[in-house]
Structures are given as structure tokens and as C-alpha cells.
Amino acid sequence: MNDEQLREEVLLTQQLVRIESTNPGVYEGAVSDFVFDWLKKNTPAEVIREPVHEGRDNIIAVLRGASQAHNLVYICHMDTMPVGEGWHYPPLDAVISNGKLYGRGSCDMKAGLAAAMTAFRSIAQRGIQPKYDFLLIATVNEEDAMTGAEQVVRDGFVNAASYILDAEPTDSRIQVAHKGKVWFMLHTHGQTCHASTPEKGCDAIAAMAEIITRIRNKLALLPKHAEMGPCTATFGVIEGGWNPYIVPDACTASLDLRIVPPVTDTQVIALVDEAAAEAVQAVPGVTWDYEITARRPAVEKDNGSFLLRKLRDATSKAAGREFPVDFFPGYTDTAVIASLTGCRNCMSFGPGSLEQAHRPDEFVPCCEITRSAAVMTRLAEDILL
């Protein structure tokens, strides 16, 4: 298939993928410039740069509506994970093979951003004032601390009355709830000595092992959610020790806790405190501390959501079938907004599968980009026109 045969939303995805926006890496500067210029050129909307970090701006396009009682917001992030190793396709070439578009960020989530941009333009170019404000927001730093979404809330672009959709890859599902998360950096502090006389030192790694085991055991006793399953713990990075023959005096481990209702972030923080206190008693002389690097509550499904009803109607009309409704296993910009504002109309629907995100040979099916653009256009028509 040559470029002349590709639909515009697919071509736009290719353009976005070919602009590197890795986080950490080169970040979003070049892609935010592209999105800003594209919106200025192709729509009559007011287009705003919203500074978040130095050289890293959210881009917000606004079509003013007849009423500000609500607004419809499409929100997509511009950053991607680092490229990484193990690719068979050039990660920034946006190669299309067998109906799949390959490249870093193709699935997560430049295809969704392209679908949102084309849907926004479709409404904007009709010359009809919408019932409510219509916003397209392209955020920075979603792959890290989600400060772009936080800035959108602080600056008042979204609120509890908004209808907010992100186009994250959802495996052909409407996803309306999110696990919460608390991220820790755990530290244990001991005392070195020769490994032949370990009783003269304090083993920081042994204490960390006790903490890890106790956290996992305690987490297994917490209640499970009927749809989201159990709370989980991942210790993604662990560092410690100097030499195989020296008792280690320091150890650090990362902890990614994912939480489900009715468990709260406050409860799991108390659980970590309890596990660590017990662990250092088992390894005398060791002390511990931690930093919390991220903290987000879980977001429950609202079966009475106006946006859910409208999105189900739009998918049926635009895609010709109903899509399952479930939860998003990660955390998205819409989840940040829901947790900070109390908005009950925050959800995800977009092209691709989360299983492809952050991996070598990341891809998105081209047909799903087109389907998402059609659904997002129909949803905006049904709510705004």
C-alpha cells in the first residue's frame, strides 16, 4: 500500500511516529511544535501552548461552545517510552507491513492522538458553534509523573463537569475504571563486615528481602475487586552490595503497588510501614526509610455515566458493533483528572493493544486508527451538534 492509498489519520500517525518524543530522551518539543502548527493550519480553533516544564508544553485547542455547563475533551499524550533494543523494524520510520504500522509510540499513543486530531478537525471545519466547548489536549510527561495532566487541571481546562476521553490503546474495549498506584523507593541501611563473620555487621539486603516477602504476603490478604482483580506489587529495580564477600550496608528497591477498591492508597502505605518495621526486627541493626514517588487513587466505574452511554452509542453507530466495557490496567491522563476533580465521565477508547506498548516492534493496526477516528467524530457529533 503506497502513501496515496492511506487514509489521512494513518498518514498523520506516520508523521507523528517519525518525530521522536522519547521520555526520558529528547522529550516532546518537536512533536508539540508539529501538533500546534497542524491545529493552527487546519482548524479555526484557539490553539494554546501551556508550559509544564522547560521546553515541554501541553498543546490545547479550544472551540468555544454556546454553553460552558460542560465541555467535551479529547486528551492524548505526546511522549513515548525510550526506543530500546530488539527491533526488527526501524523504530522511528513508521513502516507499514501487512496492515500494521510499526514504530515507537505508534500504539502508545500517537495513533490515538492522530485519530483525535482528525476528529477534532472534522467538527471544527463545519462552521457550526458546538453546544459546549470542545477541547483537544495533547499532554507532556504522561509516561513519567503525569504532570501534563495535572497542569491541565490546575489551569482549569477540565473540571468535574467535563466529558473526557483519551485514546489510549484499549484492545477494542471501552475502559472506564483504573487501578490506583503508589510507587516507592525503599532503602535499608546496615553495616559492612567480612562475610566470614556476618554477626559483626548488619545485612541490608537480607532486610530488604524480608520487606519484599512481607509486603507480598500482606498484599495477598487484601480484598480483591470483582472486575480489576487483586492488588499487586512489582519490585522492578533492586541495587545493593559491594562484593560477594562483604556484608552489604545498603540496599535500594523500587516498588510499584497497584491497588483496587475497596483498598486505598493510605492503606497500602500503612501496609508497607508495617512490613518494613517487622522486617528490620528480623535483621537486628538495620534501619529503613522510603520515598513515595507517585500516588494515585483507584477510579471506579460509574454505570450511570453520560459519556459511557454516548460512547457506547457512538461505537455502535460508527463501528457497527458494541464493544465490551471494562477497566484500564494502567493509569492514564483521564484517571489523573478523575482523581483530582471527581469527574465521573472519564474513560478510554483507542486504537491498538496495550500488550504492544513499550515493546520492541510496537505496532498498531491501521484499520483501528481509522475506526477510532470515526468513533471519536461520531461521539463529538452526538454530544456537541
Protein backbone atom coordinates (compact mmCIF):
# COMPACT_ATOMS: atom_id res chain seq x y z
CA MET A 1 0.00 0.00 0.00
CA ASN A 2 1.51 3.34 -1.02
CA ASP A 3 1.04 6.69 0.70
CA GLU A 4 -1.59 7.81 -1.80
CA GLN A 5 -3.83 4.92 -0.70
CA LEU A 6 -3.54 5.54 3.04
CA ARG A 7 -6.25 7.34 4.94
CA GLU A 8 -5.32 10.69 6.42
CA GLU A 9 -5.40 9.55 10.05
CA VAL A 10 -2.90 6.80 9.18
CA LEU A 11 -0.62 9.22 7.35
CA LEU A 12 -0.84 11.57 10.32
CA THR A 13 0.14 8.72 12.65
CA GLN A 14 3.20 8.10 10.47
CA GLN A 15 4.18 11.76 10.69
CA LEU A 16 3.86 11.73 14.47
CA VAL A 17 5.83 8.50 14.92
CA ARG A 18 8.67 9.87 12.78
CA ILE A 19 9.11 12.75 15.25
CA GLU A 20 10.95 11.33 18.26
CA SER A 21 9.45 12.29 21.64
CA THR A 22 11.06 9.78 23.99
CA ASN A 23 10.72 10.24 27.77
CA PRO A 24 13.39 10.15 29.03
CA GLY A 25 15.18 11.20 25.88
CA VAL A 26 14.55 14.12 23.55
CA TYR A 27 11.10 14.75 25.12
CA GLU A 28 8.11 16.35 23.37
CA GLY A 29 9.38 19.68 22.00
CA ALA A 30 9.40 18.78 18.30
CA VAL A 31 6.12 16.88 18.32
CA SER A 32 4.36 19.63 20.29
CA ASP A 33 5.51 22.12 17.64
CA PHE A 34 4.06 19.84 14.95
CA VAL A 35 0.71 19.43 16.73
CA PHE A 36 0.47 23.18 17.42
CA ASP A 37 1.21 24.08 13.78
CA TRP A 38 -1.16 21.41 12.42
CA LEU A 39 -4.06 22.63 14.55
CA LYS A 40 -3.39 26.28 13.67
CA LYS A 41 -3.29 25.44 9.98
CA ASN A 42 -6.21 23.02 9.80
CA THR A 43 -8.76 24.36 12.30
CA PRO A 44 -10.28 27.70 13.31
CA ALA A 45 -9.79 26.80 16.98
CA GLU A 46 -7.90 28.85 19.53
CA VAL A 47 -4.61 26.96 20.00
CA ILE A 48 -2.72 27.44 23.25
CA ARG A 49 0.72 26.47 24.49
CA GLU A 50 0.58 25.56 28.17
CA PRO A 51 4.08 25.42 29.73
CA VAL A 52 4.62 22.44 32.02
CA HIS A 53 8.41 22.03 32.13
CA GLU A 54 11.16 23.96 30.39
CA GLY A 55 10.77 23.31 26.66
CA ARG A 56 7.83 20.96 27.28
CA ASP A 57 4.38 22.42 26.58
CA ASN A 58 0.90 20.92 26.56
CA ILE A 59 -0.99 21.92 23.41
CA ILE A 60 -4.67 22.82 23.84
CA ALA A 61 -7.09 23.59 21.01
CA VAL A 62 -10.45 25.11 22.02
CA LEU A 63 -13.65 25.52 20.03
CA ARG A 64 -15.92 27.78 22.05
CA GLY A 65 -19.44 26.48 22.58
CA ALA A 66 -22.79 28.08 23.33
CA SER A 67 -22.69 26.88 26.96
CA GLN A 68 -19.91 26.30 29.46
CA ALA A 69 -22.03 24.00 31.62
CA HIS A 70 -19.91 21.11 30.33
CA ASN A 71 -17.08 20.60 27.87
CA LEU A 72 -16.05 17.67 25.71
CA VAL A 73 -12.33 16.94 25.96
CA TYR A 74 -10.18 14.59 23.90
CA ILE A 75 -6.83 14.17 25.67
CA CYS A 76 -3.78 12.30 24.36
CA HIS A 77 -0.14 12.33 25.43
CA MET A 78 2.74 13.13 23.08
CA ASP A 79 5.63 11.41 24.86
CA THR A 80 6.73 7.82 24.30
CA MET A 81 8.92 5.36 26.14
CA PRO A 82 12.61 5.18 25.06
CA VAL A 83 13.24 3.24 21.86
CA GLY A 84 15.13 0.33 23.45
CA GLU A 85 16.72 -2.67 21.76
CA GLY A 86 15.49 -5.68 19.79
CA TRP A 87 13.66 -4.02 16.90
CA HIS A 88 13.20 -5.70 13.51
CA TYR A 89 11.60 -2.57 12.03
CA PRO A 90 13.32 0.84 12.27
CA PRO A 91 11.63 2.29 15.39
CA LEU A 92 11.16 5.81 14.02
CA ASP A 93 10.42 5.03 10.36
CA ALA A 94 6.70 4.23 10.82
CA VAL A 95 6.87 1.30 8.41
CA ILE A 96 3.55 -0.25 7.37
CA SER A 97 3.58 -4.01 6.80
CA ASN A 98 0.55 -6.30 6.47
CA GLY A 99 -1.81 -3.59 7.63
CA LYS A 100 0.19 -2.76 10.78
CA LEU A 101 2.07 0.47 11.43
CA TYR A 102 5.30 -0.17 13.35
CA GLY A 103 7.27 2.30 15.44
CA ARG A 104 7.93 3.60 18.92
CA GLY A 105 4.77 5.32 20.10
CA SER A 106 2.64 4.01 17.23
CA CYS A 107 0.32 2.24 19.65
CA ASP A 108 1.03 4.26 22.81
CA MET A 109 -0.35 6.64 21.74
CA LYS A 110 0.38 8.53 18.54
CA ALA A 111 -2.28 6.60 16.64
CA GLY A 112 -4.82 7.73 19.23
CA LEU A 113 -3.55 11.30 19.01
CA ALA A 114 -3.87 11.23 15.21
CA ALA A 115 -7.44 9.89 15.48
CA ALA A 116 -8.33 12.64 17.96
CA MET A 117 -6.75 15.35 15.80
CA THR A 118 -8.68 14.32 12.69
CA ALA A 119 -11.95 14.00 14.64
CA PHE A 120 -11.42 17.44 16.18
CA ARG A 121 -10.73 18.96 12.78
CA SER A 122 -13.84 17.32 11.32
CA ILE A 123 -16.03 19.11 13.85
CA ALA A 124 -14.08 22.36 13.77
CA GLN A 125 -14.31 22.79 9.99
CA ARG A 126 -18.11 22.53 9.87
CA GLY A 127 -18.56 26.13 10.94
CA ILE A 128 -21.26 25.27 13.50
CA GLN A 129 -20.93 26.51 17.05
CA PRO A 130 -20.98 23.45 19.33
CA LYS A 131 -23.34 23.18 22.28
CA TYR A 132 -20.37 23.08 24.66
CA ASP A 133 -16.68 23.91 24.44
CA PHE A 134 -14.76 21.24 22.52
CA LEU A 135 -11.11 20.76 23.51
CA LEU A 136 -8.28 18.71 22.10
CA ILE A 137 -5.43 18.45 24.61
CA ALA A 138 -2.01 16.96 23.81
CA THR A 139 -0.06 16.46 27.03
CA VAL A 140 3.55 16.01 28.07
CA ASN A 141 5.13 13.65 30.61
CA GLU A 142 2.38 11.04 30.78
CA GLU A 143 4.97 8.26 30.67
CA ASP A 144 6.50 9.57 33.89
CA ALA A 145 4.80 11.62 36.62
CA MET A 146 1.78 12.75 34.54
CA THR A 147 2.48 16.40 35.28
CA GLY A 148 0.93 17.44 31.97
CA ALA A 149 -2.49 16.20 33.09
CA GLU A 150 -2.02 17.83 36.50
CA GLN A 151 -1.29 21.16 34.79
CA VAL A 152 -4.47 20.88 32.72
CA VAL A 153 -6.44 20.57 35.96
CA ARG A 154 -4.63 23.48 37.64
CA ASP A 155 -5.26 25.75 34.67
CA GLY A 156 -8.98 24.95 34.63
CA PHE A 157 -9.28 23.32 31.20
CA VAL A 158 -11.07 20.34 32.79
CA ASN A 159 -13.33 20.01 35.82
CA ALA A 160 -15.88 17.74 37.46
CA ALA A 161 -18.49 18.56 34.80
CA SER A 162 -16.27 17.70 31.81
CA TYR A 163 -16.76 14.76 29.46
CA ILE A 164 -13.22 13.43 28.94
CA LEU A 165 -11.98 10.71 26.59
CA ASP A 166 -8.42 9.58 25.99
CA ALA A 167 -7.47 7.46 23.01
CA GLU A 168 -5.09 5.06 24.74
CA PRO A 169 -4.84 1.57 23.22
CA THR A 170 -7.75 -0.38 24.69
CA ASP A 171 -7.87 -3.73 22.85
CA SER A 172 -11.23 -2.91 21.24
CA ARG A 173 -12.79 -2.16 24.60
CA ILE A 174 -14.32 0.85 26.33
CA GLN A 175 -12.35 1.21 29.54
CA VAL A 176 -13.94 3.16 32.35
CA ALA A 177 -12.03 2.39 35.55
CA HIS A 178 -8.40 2.31 36.69
CA LYS A 179 -6.32 0.59 39.30
CA GLY A 180 -4.71 3.02 41.68
CA LYS A 181 -0.97 3.12 42.22
CA VAL A 182 1.62 4.03 44.83
CA TRP A 183 5.28 3.99 43.82
CA PHE A 184 8.05 3.75 46.41
CA MET A 185 11.82 3.79 46.54
CA LEU A 186 12.68 1.62 49.55
CA HIS A 187 16.03 1.86 51.35
CA THR A 188 17.66 -0.31 54.00
CA HIS A 189 20.82 0.70 55.85
CA GLY A 190 23.14 -1.76 57.59
CA GLN A 191 26.82 -2.15 58.42
CA THR A 192 29.59 -3.81 56.45
CA CYS A 193 31.92 -6.51 57.74
CA HIS A 194 33.70 -9.57 56.40
CA ALA A 195 31.32 -12.24 55.13
CA SER A 196 33.05 -14.86 57.28
CA THR A 197 31.83 -13.06 60.41
CA PRO A 198 28.40 -11.70 59.39
CA GLU A 199 27.32 -11.38 63.02
CA LYS A 200 29.62 -8.35 63.29
CA GLY A 201 27.65 -6.44 60.63
CA CYS A 202 24.06 -5.79 59.59
CA ASP A 203 22.89 -7.19 56.23
CA ALA A 204 20.86 -4.54 54.37
CA ILE A 205 20.00 -6.91 51.51
CA ALA A 206 18.67 -9.55 53.92
CA ALA A 207 16.46 -6.88 55.46
CA MET A 208 15.20 -5.84 52.02
CA ALA A 209 14.39 -9.47 51.26
CA GLU A 210 12.33 -9.61 54.45
CA ILE A 211 10.49 -6.41 53.47
CA ILE A 212 9.72 -7.74 49.99
CA THR A 213 8.40 -11.05 51.31
CA ARG A 214 6.26 -9.43 53.99
CA ILE A 215 4.76 -6.89 51.58
CA ARG A 216 3.80 -9.66 49.14
CA ASN A 217 2.29 -11.81 51.90
CA LYS A 218 0.29 -8.95 53.38
CA LEU A 219 -0.93 -7.82 49.96
CA ALA A 220 -2.28 -11.30 49.24
CA LEU A 221 -4.64 -10.97 52.23
CA LEU A 222 -6.32 -7.79 50.93
CA PRO A 223 -9.74 -7.99 49.27
CA LYS A 224 -9.97 -8.46 45.52
CA HIS A 225 -12.11 -6.38 43.17
CA ALA A 226 -14.72 -8.29 41.15
CA GLU A 227 -13.50 -6.83 37.84
CA MET A 228 -9.99 -5.47 38.48
CA GLY A 229 -8.73 -8.42 40.49
CA PRO A 230 -6.17 -8.24 43.32
CA CYS A 231 -3.74 -5.58 44.45
CA THR A 232 -0.26 -6.31 43.07
CA ALA A 233 3.37 -5.49 43.85
CA THR A 234 6.28 -5.28 41.42
CA PHE A 235 9.85 -4.74 42.61
CA GLY A 236 11.24 -3.57 39.29
CA VAL A 237 14.76 -2.49 40.30
CA ILE A 238 16.95 -3.59 43.21
CA GLU A 239 20.50 -2.49 43.97
CA GLY A 240 22.85 -3.24 46.84
CA GLY A 241 26.14 -4.66 47.98
CA TRP A 242 29.79 -4.14 47.12
CA ASN A 243 31.39 -7.54 46.88
CA PRO A 244 30.35 -11.18 47.29
CA TYR A 245 32.49 -11.44 50.41
CA ILE A 246 31.31 -8.31 52.23
CA VAL A 247 28.10 -7.97 54.24
CA PRO A 248 26.16 -5.23 52.42
CA ASP A 249 25.47 -1.97 54.23
CA ALA A 250 22.87 -0.56 51.80
CA CYS A 251 20.08 -1.75 49.53
CA THR A 252 17.51 0.11 47.43
CA ALA A 253 14.44 -1.36 45.74
CA SER A 254 11.65 0.17 43.68
CA LEU A 255 8.09 -0.86 44.47
CA ASP A 256 5.13 -0.42 42.13
CA LEU A 257 1.94 -1.12 44.08
CA ARG A 258 -1.29 -1.31 42.06
CA ILE A 259 -4.41 -1.04 44.19
CA VAL A 260 -8.07 -1.86 43.65
CA PRO A 261 -11.18 -0.80 45.58
CA PRO A 262 -12.01 -1.01 48.41
CA VAL A 263 -8.28 -0.80 49.24
CA THR A 264 -6.99 2.77 49.42
CA ASP A 265 -3.59 4.35 48.89
CA THR A 266 -3.47 5.21 52.60
CA GLN A 267 -3.98 1.54 53.50
CA VAL A 268 -1.14 0.25 51.35
CA ILE A 269 1.25 2.90 52.67
CA ALA A 270 0.42 1.68 56.18
CA LEU A 271 0.97 -1.89 54.96
CA VAL A 272 4.48 -1.03 53.73
CA ASP A 273 5.26 0.70 57.03
CA GLU A 274 4.15 -2.39 58.95
CA ALA A 275 6.07 -4.81 56.72
CA ALA A 276 9.29 -2.79 56.96
CA ALA A 277 9.04 -2.41 60.73
CA GLU A 278 8.63 -6.18 61.11
CA ALA A 279 11.46 -6.89 58.67
CA VAL A 280 14.12 -4.86 60.44
CA GLN A 281 13.23 -6.58 63.71
CA ALA A 282 14.15 -9.84 61.97
CA VAL A 283 17.53 -8.38 60.92
CA PRO A 284 18.78 -6.51 64.01
CA GLY A 285 20.72 -3.31 63.50
CA VAL A 286 19.26 -2.44 60.09
CA THR A 287 17.24 0.75 59.59
CA TRP A 288 14.92 1.64 56.73
CA ASP A 289 13.21 4.57 55.00
CA TYR A 290 11.43 5.29 51.73
CA GLU A 291 10.22 7.98 49.38
CA ILE A 292 6.83 7.90 47.68
CA THR A 293 7.41 8.91 44.04
CA ALA A 294 3.81 8.64 42.79
CA ARG A 295 0.45 8.28 44.49
CA ARG A 296 -2.86 7.93 42.66
CA PRO A 297 -6.17 6.50 43.92
CA ALA A 298 -8.19 3.90 42.06
CA VAL A 299 -11.03 5.13 39.82
CA GLU A 300 -14.29 3.16 39.96
CA LYS A 301 -16.70 2.55 37.08
CA ASP A 302 -19.87 4.64 37.01
CA ASN A 303 -22.59 2.67 35.26
CA GLY A 304 -24.73 5.81 35.07
CA SER A 305 -22.12 7.86 33.23
CA PHE A 306 -23.48 10.12 30.46
CA LEU A 307 -20.25 9.76 28.48
CA LEU A 308 -20.33 5.97 28.75
CA ARG A 309 -23.83 5.88 27.28
CA LYS A 310 -22.87 8.25 24.47
CA LEU A 311 -19.65 6.38 23.73
CA ARG A 312 -21.44 3.05 23.53
CA ASP A 313 -23.92 4.58 21.09
CA ALA A 314 -21.10 6.13 19.02
CA THR A 315 -19.15 2.89 18.75
CA SER A 316 -22.27 1.00 17.67
CA LYS A 317 -23.08 3.59 15.01
CA ALA A 318 -19.57 4.27 13.71
CA ALA A 319 -18.06 0.79 14.01
CA GLY A 320 -21.19 -1.29 13.52
CA ARG A 321 -20.98 -3.25 16.75
CA GLU A 322 -20.92 -2.91 20.51
CA PHE A 323 -17.63 -3.08 22.38
CA PRO A 324 -17.03 -4.64 25.83
CA VAL A 325 -16.77 -2.32 28.82
CA ASP A 326 -14.05 -2.98 31.40
CA PHE A 327 -11.12 -1.27 33.15
CA PHE A 328 -7.74 0.11 32.08
CA PRO A 329 -4.97 -1.83 33.87
CA GLY A 330 -2.53 1.11 33.84
CA TYR A 331 -3.01 4.76 34.74
CA THR A 332 -3.86 7.42 32.17
CA ASP A 333 -4.29 11.17 31.94
CA THR A 334 -8.05 10.72 32.35
CA ALA A 335 -7.51 8.79 35.57
CA VAL A 336 -5.38 11.65 36.92
CA ILE A 337 -8.15 14.09 36.06
CA ALA A 338 -10.83 11.89 37.62
CA SER A 339 -8.85 11.54 40.84
CA LEU A 340 -8.12 15.28 41.12
CA THR A 341 -11.53 16.68 40.11
CA GLY A 342 -14.05 13.97 41.00
CA CYS A 343 -15.19 13.86 37.35
CA ARG A 344 -17.41 10.82 36.72
CA ASN A 345 -17.13 10.96 32.94
CA CYS A 346 -13.50 9.99 32.27
CA MET A 347 -12.71 6.98 30.08
CA SER A 348 -10.50 5.44 27.39
CA PHE A 349 -11.12 4.11 23.89
CA GLY A 350 -8.45 3.98 21.22
CA PRO A 351 -6.57 2.00 18.59
CA GLY A 352 -4.20 -0.85 19.33
CA SER A 353 -3.44 -3.15 22.23
CA LEU A 354 -1.71 -2.24 25.47
CA GLU A 355 0.19 -5.52 25.05
CA GLN A 356 2.16 -3.84 22.24
CA ALA A 357 3.06 -0.73 24.24
CA HIS A 358 6.66 -0.25 25.48
CA ARG A 359 7.91 -3.26 23.48
CA PRO A 360 10.24 -3.73 20.50
CA ASP A 361 8.32 -3.76 17.21
CA GLU A 362 5.44 -1.84 18.79
CA PHE A 363 2.61 -1.63 16.25
CA VAL A 364 -0.96 -0.55 15.70
CA PRO A 365 -3.38 -1.95 13.09
CA CYS A 366 -4.15 0.76 10.53
CA CYS A 367 -7.83 -0.21 10.44
CA GLU A 368 -8.13 0.53 14.16
CA ILE A 369 -6.77 4.06 13.68
CA THR A 370 -9.50 4.68 11.12
CA ARG A 371 -12.14 3.11 13.35
CA SER A 372 -11.13 5.27 16.32
CA ALA A 373 -11.23 8.44 14.24
CA ALA A 374 -14.75 7.54 13.09
CA VAL A 375 -15.94 6.78 16.64
CA MET A 376 -14.46 9.99 18.05
CA THR A 377 -16.04 12.02 15.25
CA ARG A 378 -19.44 10.43 15.84
CA LEU A 379 -19.18 10.92 19.61
CA ALA A 380 -18.43 14.62 19.17
CA GLU A 381 -21.33 14.98 16.73
CA ASP A 382 -23.75 13.33 19.16
CA ILE A 383 -22.71 15.45 22.15
CA LEU A 384 -21.96 18.79 20.53
CA LEU A 385 -24.03 19.28 17.36
